[in-house]
Amino acid sequence: MANGTIQAQIQRPANWLMGIFLLILLLATGISEFFQAPTEQNTELTRFRTLFTKEDFANITELKLRNRLGDFHFSKVENDPYSRWNMVLPKRFPANNEVLKKLFETLKDLKIRKIFSYDPINIANFSLDAPLYEITLIGTDGKKKVLSFGLVNPIDNSTYVSNSAETEAIYHIDAVQSDLASLDMTDFVDSHIFTPKSAQVKTLKIYRGSVSGTPAFQLQRGDRGEWISRGRELDEAKTLQWMDELLLLKTMLIVDKSTPELDDSVQKLIESPQFTLEIEDLNENVLTWSVSNSINSLPDVRVEKRAYVLIKASNRPYPCLIHKDQLRLFQPREQDMRKLPINKIFY
């Protein structure tokens, strides 16, 4: 009996200790469950596999990007056959369509791995309270979607994004391939002088001076897609080589300033051009570019005397400058693009 009393006395503290241990274990489990970051959301949103559909971008007319280098605002050019965009802020410039096209393609391809609750703990742990960058999409109806991109996980190459249109979810997605956090204004400005590419050209004419009389040079696309100049078929490779070099020409300076003196000087230069280039594209849109004589000076613009010419496009708000050495592209020779006679190929 004494032994039973002793055993009961020993067992009682052991039971207490076991109870205290279980209580601590339950508390620790509860705390861990409460404070863990990945709280997966089990809602109807889990049926999605990509963050967007192609239809989501059909009516986008404005785009804003905020990253560590600044705020950039873009608007789509209305009724433009080339689907161009303009930069609105921080300056008004033609936007680089290729960069914006790549940005849209990147967004369209965002694949969802998991969906988590949009709560304060997840917002903080995924760095969505201080995102790396934000993208705002604005449609024709004025509705906005703000995408906030947070922490990048280098281990599994993933990141987290919230969508202001879906306030109950945080999306765990594959990391964005484009380095949107480091793009600056130089990446977004389109420095190309010509809008159409060679595949979009139907006819091209170059006049000496203004548009009048017979062009100094002209070519057009034939029924079979061949290039023809004054009834003579041209060598396709030679023609495209010259045309691509011309149409990919870039400016060294966009003249976006506006003062009465500068506007007057620009107007005088384009009223008496050295060359006028006219392009009709496959959709029968006609665009012109006026190319000035060499510039002595421009008010409020620092430019080397007689080293540059000014070009004004009919579909761009600002004129731009190119070096006078590039004027050779506006003086092509038809004979340089002709096909070689058959007898010369073998000699």
Protein backbone atom coordinates (compact mmCIF):
# COMPACT_ATOMS: atom_id res chain seq x y z
CA MET A 1 0.00 0.00 0.00
CA ALA A 2 2.88 2.31 0.76
CA ASN A 3 4.34 1.54 -2.60
CA GLY A 4 1.02 2.44 -4.30
CA THR A 5 0.92 5.77 -2.41
CA ILE A 6 4.47 6.58 -3.44
CA GLN A 7 3.74 5.66 -7.09
CA ALA A 8 0.61 7.88 -7.10
CA GLN A 9 2.60 10.77 -5.67
CA ILE A 10 5.22 10.37 -8.38
CA GLN A 11 2.60 10.00 -11.15
CA ARG A 12 0.71 13.18 -10.18
CA PRO A 13 3.57 15.65 -10.95
CA ALA A 14 4.32 13.72 -14.15
CA ASN A 15 0.74 14.19 -15.29
CA TRP A 16 0.95 17.88 -14.50
CA LEU A 17 4.17 18.18 -16.45
CA MET A 18 2.66 16.32 -19.41
CA GLY A 19 -0.39 18.60 -19.34
CA ILE A 20 1.77 21.74 -19.20
CA PHE A 21 3.88 20.42 -22.10
CA LEU A 22 0.79 19.72 -24.23
CA LEU A 23 -0.60 23.17 -23.41
CA ILE A 24 2.68 24.84 -24.48
CA LEU A 25 2.70 22.76 -27.65
CA LEU A 26 -0.84 23.80 -28.51
CA LEU A 27 -0.03 27.48 -27.86
CA ALA A 28 3.11 27.29 -30.02
CA THR A 29 1.17 25.65 -32.84
CA GLY A 30 -1.51 28.34 -32.66
CA ILE A 31 1.03 31.17 -32.69
CA SER A 32 2.89 29.60 -35.60
CA GLU A 33 -0.36 29.16 -37.53
CA PHE A 34 -1.34 32.76 -36.86
CA PHE A 35 1.97 34.36 -37.83
CA GLN A 36 2.94 32.22 -40.81
CA ALA A 37 3.13 34.27 -44.03
CA PRO A 38 1.74 31.96 -46.71
CA THR A 39 -1.97 31.80 -45.91
CA GLU A 40 -3.31 30.16 -49.04
CA GLN A 41 -6.70 31.38 -50.14
CA ASN A 42 -9.23 28.69 -50.98
CA THR A 43 -11.78 30.59 -53.06
CA GLU A 44 -13.19 30.56 -56.57
CA LEU A 45 -10.11 32.60 -57.61
CA THR A 46 -8.06 29.37 -57.64
CA ARG A 47 -9.68 28.43 -60.96
CA PHE A 48 -7.43 30.94 -62.72
CA ARG A 49 -4.10 29.87 -64.18
CA THR A 50 -2.95 33.21 -65.63
CA LEU A 51 -3.33 36.64 -64.12
CA PHE A 52 -4.83 38.14 -67.31
CA THR A 53 -6.56 37.13 -70.49
CA LYS A 54 -5.90 38.67 -73.91
CA GLU A 55 -9.25 40.45 -73.71
CA ASP A 56 -8.08 42.35 -70.63
CA PHE A 57 -5.73 44.43 -72.81
CA ALA A 58 -8.05 45.09 -75.75
CA ASN A 59 -9.36 48.41 -74.41
CA ILE A 60 -6.31 49.74 -72.52
CA THR A 61 -5.71 53.39 -73.49
CA GLU A 62 -3.41 54.54 -70.68
CA LEU A 63 -0.54 52.96 -68.80
CA LYS A 64 1.47 54.15 -65.82
CA LEU A 65 4.66 52.68 -64.42
CA ARG A 66 6.17 53.69 -61.10
CA ASN A 67 9.58 52.27 -60.28
CA ARG A 68 12.66 53.36 -58.34
CA LEU A 69 13.69 55.67 -61.21
CA GLY A 70 10.46 57.66 -61.49
CA ASP A 71 6.85 57.85 -62.62
CA PHE A 72 6.08 57.28 -66.31
CA HIS A 73 2.70 57.87 -67.92
CA PHE A 74 1.71 56.76 -71.45
CA SER A 75 -1.42 57.22 -73.56
CA LYS A 76 -2.40 55.46 -76.76
CA VAL A 77 -2.56 57.64 -79.87
CA GLU A 78 -6.21 57.82 -80.90
CA ASN A 79 -7.22 56.47 -84.31
CA ASP A 80 -3.61 55.66 -85.19
CA PRO A 81 -3.07 52.87 -87.76
CA TYR A 82 0.25 51.92 -86.17
CA SER A 83 -1.17 51.55 -82.62
CA ARG A 84 1.41 54.00 -81.34
CA TRP A 85 1.77 55.31 -77.80
CA ASN A 86 2.96 58.68 -76.53
CA MET A 87 4.77 59.42 -73.31
CA VAL A 88 2.77 61.99 -71.34
CA LEU A 89 4.97 62.27 -68.24
CA PRO A 90 7.64 63.18 -67.28
CA LYS A 91 7.90 64.62 -70.84
CA ARG A 92 5.79 64.48 -73.96
CA PHE A 93 7.64 62.25 -76.43
CA PRO A 94 6.77 59.48 -78.88
CA ALA A 95 6.95 56.27 -76.86
CA ASN A 96 9.03 53.26 -77.80
CA ASN A 97 6.33 50.86 -78.99
CA GLU A 98 8.65 47.86 -78.82
CA VAL A 99 9.29 48.38 -75.09
CA LEU A 100 5.58 48.81 -74.34
CA LYS A 101 4.69 45.82 -76.52
CA LYS A 102 7.16 43.70 -74.56
CA LEU A 103 5.68 44.99 -71.29
CA PHE A 104 2.16 43.97 -72.36
CA GLU A 105 3.36 40.56 -73.54
CA THR A 106 5.06 40.05 -70.19
CA LEU A 107 1.85 40.84 -68.30
CA LYS A 108 -0.22 38.56 -70.54
CA ASP A 109 2.10 35.65 -69.75
CA LEU A 110 2.05 35.91 -65.93
CA LYS A 111 1.22 32.43 -64.62
CA ILE A 112 -0.25 31.94 -61.15
CA ARG A 113 1.36 29.40 -58.82
CA LYS A 114 -0.74 30.00 -55.70
CA ILE A 115 -3.21 32.49 -54.30
CA PHE A 116 -2.90 33.86 -50.78
CA SER A 117 -5.13 35.97 -48.56
CA TYR A 118 -4.83 39.72 -48.92
CA ASP A 119 -4.21 40.45 -45.25
CA PRO A 120 -1.76 42.69 -43.33
CA ILE A 121 0.66 39.85 -42.53
CA ASN A 122 0.98 38.64 -46.13
CA ILE A 123 1.12 42.20 -47.45
CA ALA A 124 4.10 42.95 -45.20
CA ASN A 125 5.90 39.63 -45.70
CA PHE A 126 5.63 39.82 -49.48
CA SER A 127 6.80 43.48 -49.51
CA LEU A 128 3.56 44.69 -51.11
CA ASP A 129 3.43 47.57 -48.64
CA ALA A 130 6.59 48.89 -50.36
CA PRO A 131 6.48 47.33 -53.85
CA LEU A 132 9.44 47.24 -56.22
CA TYR A 133 7.24 48.80 -58.90
CA GLU A 134 3.60 49.44 -59.75
CA ILE A 135 1.78 49.27 -63.09
CA THR A 136 -1.56 51.01 -63.58
CA LEU A 137 -3.77 50.01 -66.51
CA ILE A 138 -6.62 52.35 -67.51
CA GLY A 139 -9.31 51.32 -69.99
CA THR A 140 -11.63 53.24 -72.28
CA ASP A 141 -14.26 53.13 -69.52
CA GLY A 142 -11.88 54.90 -67.12
CA LYS A 143 -11.56 51.89 -64.81
CA LYS A 144 -8.14 51.33 -63.25
CA LYS A 145 -6.19 48.24 -62.30
CA VAL A 146 -3.14 48.84 -60.13
CA LEU A 147 -0.64 45.96 -60.07
CA SER A 148 1.86 46.06 -57.21
CA PHE A 149 4.90 43.79 -57.55
CA GLY A 150 6.60 42.77 -54.33
CA LEU A 151 9.36 40.54 -53.06
CA VAL A 152 11.36 38.45 -55.54
CA ASN A 153 12.28 35.00 -54.28
CA PRO A 154 15.68 34.16 -55.85
CA ILE A 155 15.45 30.51 -54.79
CA ASP A 156 12.45 29.55 -56.93
CA ASN A 157 12.51 32.61 -59.24
CA SER A 158 9.07 33.82 -58.23
CA THR A 159 7.40 36.99 -56.98
CA TYR A 160 4.13 38.26 -55.53
CA VAL A 161 1.63 40.67 -57.02
CA SER A 162 -1.60 42.28 -55.90
CA ASN A 163 -4.32 43.59 -58.18
CA SER A 164 -6.50 46.47 -57.00
CA ALA A 165 -9.41 44.88 -58.88
CA GLU A 166 -9.08 41.71 -56.74
CA THR A 167 -8.88 42.98 -53.16
CA GLU A 168 -9.09 39.55 -51.53
CA ALA A 169 -6.07 37.92 -53.13
CA ILE A 170 -2.29 38.04 -53.47
CA TYR A 171 -0.91 36.11 -56.40
CA HIS A 172 2.28 34.05 -56.25
CA ILE A 173 3.61 34.10 -59.83
CA ASP A 174 6.71 33.30 -61.88
CA ALA A 175 9.20 36.14 -61.69
CA VAL A 176 8.80 38.81 -64.37
CA GLN A 177 11.49 38.38 -67.02
CA SER A 178 11.66 42.07 -68.00
CA ASP A 179 13.58 44.26 -65.57
CA LEU A 180 10.74 46.75 -65.17
CA ALA A 181 12.19 48.08 -61.93
CA SER A 182 15.21 49.60 -63.73
CA LEU A 183 13.64 51.11 -66.87
CA ASP A 184 14.15 54.87 -67.23
CA MET A 185 13.06 57.57 -69.66
CA THR A 186 15.73 56.74 -72.25
CA ASP A 187 14.24 53.24 -72.56
CA PHE A 188 10.77 54.62 -73.24
CA VAL A 189 11.51 57.33 -75.83
CA ASP A 190 11.20 56.35 -79.49
CA SER A 191 14.11 57.93 -81.32
CA HIS A 192 13.14 56.52 -84.72
CA ILE A 193 12.24 59.15 -87.32
CA PHE A 194 9.99 56.95 -89.47
CA THR A 195 6.88 55.13 -88.27
CA PRO A 196 6.34 52.54 -91.06
CA LYS A 197 8.67 49.61 -91.59
CA SER A 198 9.62 48.37 -95.07
CA ALA A 199 7.03 45.55 -94.91
CA GLN A 200 4.29 48.20 -94.51
CA VAL A 201 5.32 50.41 -97.45
CA LYS A 202 3.24 50.49 -100.64
CA THR A 203 4.87 53.49 -102.36
CA LEU A 204 7.81 55.72 -101.46
CA LYS A 205 8.67 59.02 -103.15
CA ILE A 206 11.45 61.52 -102.55
CA TYR A 207 11.12 65.07 -103.90
CA ARG A 208 13.77 67.74 -104.09
CA GLY A 209 12.16 70.60 -102.23
CA SER A 210 8.40 70.48 -101.63
CA VAL A 211 5.94 67.96 -103.03
CA SER A 212 5.48 69.08 -106.63
CA GLY A 213 6.19 67.75 -110.10
CA THR A 214 7.99 64.47 -110.65
CA PRO A 215 9.80 62.86 -107.67
CA ALA A 216 13.57 62.62 -107.83
CA PHE A 217 13.20 59.00 -106.75
CA GLN A 218 10.22 56.69 -106.36
CA LEU A 219 9.42 53.04 -105.93
CA GLN A 220 6.27 51.03 -105.47
CA ARG A 221 5.23 47.50 -104.64
CA GLY A 222 4.06 45.43 -107.63
CA ASP A 223 1.25 42.86 -107.80
CA ARG A 224 3.64 40.06 -106.83
CA GLY A 225 5.20 42.08 -104.00
CA GLU A 226 8.22 43.02 -106.11
CA TRP A 227 9.73 46.52 -105.98
CA ILE A 228 9.34 48.65 -109.11
CA SER A 229 10.83 52.04 -109.99
CA ARG A 230 9.63 53.83 -113.14
CA GLY A 231 8.40 50.57 -114.66
CA ARG A 232 11.63 48.68 -113.95
CA GLU A 233 11.80 45.83 -111.42
CA LEU A 234 14.48 46.35 -108.77
CA ASP A 235 16.69 43.88 -106.95
CA GLU A 236 14.80 43.07 -103.74
CA ALA A 237 17.86 42.59 -101.50
CA LYS A 238 19.48 45.86 -102.60
CA THR A 239 16.21 47.78 -102.31
CA LEU A 240 15.44 46.47 -98.82
CA GLN A 241 18.99 47.12 -97.67
CA TRP A 242 18.65 50.82 -98.52
CA MET A 243 15.05 51.10 -97.31
CA ASP A 244 15.73 49.45 -93.93
CA GLU A 245 18.72 51.71 -93.34
CA LEU A 246 16.55 54.74 -94.10
CA LEU A 247 13.47 53.72 -92.13
CA LEU A 248 15.47 52.66 -89.06
CA LEU A 249 17.21 56.04 -88.93
CA LYS A 250 17.33 57.54 -85.42
CA THR A 251 17.51 61.14 -84.29
CA MET A 252 20.23 62.56 -82.08
CA LEU A 253 17.86 65.19 -80.62
CA ILE A 254 14.10 65.70 -80.40
CA VAL A 255 13.34 69.42 -80.33
CA ASP A 256 10.58 69.46 -77.71
CA LYS A 257 11.10 73.06 -76.63
CA SER A 258 8.68 75.78 -77.70
CA THR A 259 9.40 79.48 -77.77
CA PRO A 260 8.16 82.05 -80.31
CA GLU A 261 11.66 82.46 -81.77
CA LEU A 262 12.30 78.70 -82.00
CA ASP A 263 8.87 77.93 -83.46
CA ASP A 264 9.37 80.63 -86.10
CA SER A 265 12.79 79.27 -87.09
CA VAL A 266 11.48 75.69 -87.35
CA GLN A 267 8.54 76.82 -89.46
CA LYS A 268 10.81 78.64 -91.92
CA LEU A 269 13.08 75.61 -92.23
CA ILE A 270 10.29 73.17 -93.08
CA GLU A 271 8.52 75.60 -95.42
CA SER A 272 11.59 75.51 -97.70
CA PRO A 273 12.81 71.91 -97.36
CA GLN A 274 15.79 70.39 -99.08
CA PHE A 275 13.88 67.10 -99.48
CA THR A 276 10.35 65.88 -98.88
CA LEU A 277 9.78 62.16 -98.43
CA GLU A 278 6.29 60.72 -98.88
CA ILE A 279 5.19 57.20 -97.94
CA GLU A 280 1.85 55.51 -98.61
CA ASP A 281 1.44 52.36 -96.52
CA LEU A 282 -0.53 49.21 -97.33
CA ASN A 283 -3.60 50.69 -95.61
CA GLU A 284 -3.40 53.77 -97.90
CA ASN A 285 -2.27 56.12 -95.12
CA VAL A 286 -0.02 58.86 -96.53
CA LEU A 287 2.74 60.34 -94.34
CA THR A 288 5.34 63.00 -95.18
CA TRP A 289 8.71 64.07 -93.79
CA SER A 290 10.21 67.50 -94.54
CA VAL A 291 14.03 67.60 -94.45
CA SER A 292 15.62 71.03 -94.05
CA ASN A 293 18.87 72.41 -95.38
CA SER A 294 21.87 72.47 -93.05
CA ILE A 295 21.15 74.55 -89.96
CA ASN A 296 23.25 77.55 -89.04
CA SER A 297 21.62 77.93 -85.63
CA LEU A 298 18.41 77.31 -83.70
CA PRO A 299 17.21 79.64 -80.91
CA ASP A 300 17.57 78.04 -77.46
CA VAL A 301 19.12 74.88 -78.97
CA ARG A 302 22.85 74.28 -78.85
CA VAL A 303 23.81 72.87 -82.24
CA GLU A 304 27.03 72.87 -84.26
CA LYS A 305 26.86 75.24 -87.23
CA ARG A 306 25.89 73.57 -90.54
CA ALA A 307 26.42 70.08 -89.09
CA TYR A 308 22.77 69.05 -88.72
CA VAL A 309 19.46 69.13 -90.58
CA LEU A 310 15.97 69.24 -89.15
CA ILE A 311 13.22 66.74 -90.00
CA LYS A 312 9.51 67.25 -89.32
CA ALA A 313 7.11 64.30 -89.70
CA SER A 314 3.44 64.84 -90.46
CA ASN A 315 2.41 62.42 -87.69
CA ARG A 316 4.78 63.58 -84.93
CA PRO A 317 4.37 66.68 -82.73
CA TYR A 318 8.07 67.60 -82.57
CA PRO A 319 10.81 68.02 -85.18
CA CYS A 320 14.14 66.28 -84.71
CA LEU A 321 17.76 66.58 -85.81
CA ILE A 322 20.05 64.24 -87.74
CA HIS A 323 23.65 64.71 -88.84
CA LYS A 324 24.01 66.03 -92.38
CA ASP A 325 26.11 62.96 -93.31
CA GLN A 326 22.89 60.92 -93.21
CA LEU A 327 21.44 62.96 -96.07
CA ARG A 328 22.94 60.38 -98.44
CA LEU A 329 19.99 58.12 -97.52
CA PHE A 330 17.62 60.68 -99.06
CA GLN A 331 19.53 60.60 -102.36
CA PRO A 332 19.37 56.97 -103.54
CA ARG A 333 20.24 56.05 -107.13
CA GLU A 334 17.88 53.77 -109.00
CA GLN A 335 20.71 52.19 -110.98
CA ASP A 336 22.30 50.99 -107.74
CA MET A 337 19.18 48.90 -107.02
CA ARG A 338 18.61 47.44 -110.47
CA LYS A 339 18.84 43.75 -111.14
CA LEU A 340 21.99 42.63 -112.91
CA PRO A 341 21.50 41.44 -116.53
CA ILE A 342 21.73 37.66 -116.86
CA ASN A 343 24.92 37.83 -118.97
CA LYS A 344 26.72 39.82 -116.26
CA ILE A 345 26.01 37.24 -113.56
CA PHE A 346 28.37 34.78 -115.24
CA TYR A 347 31.24 37.22 -115.88
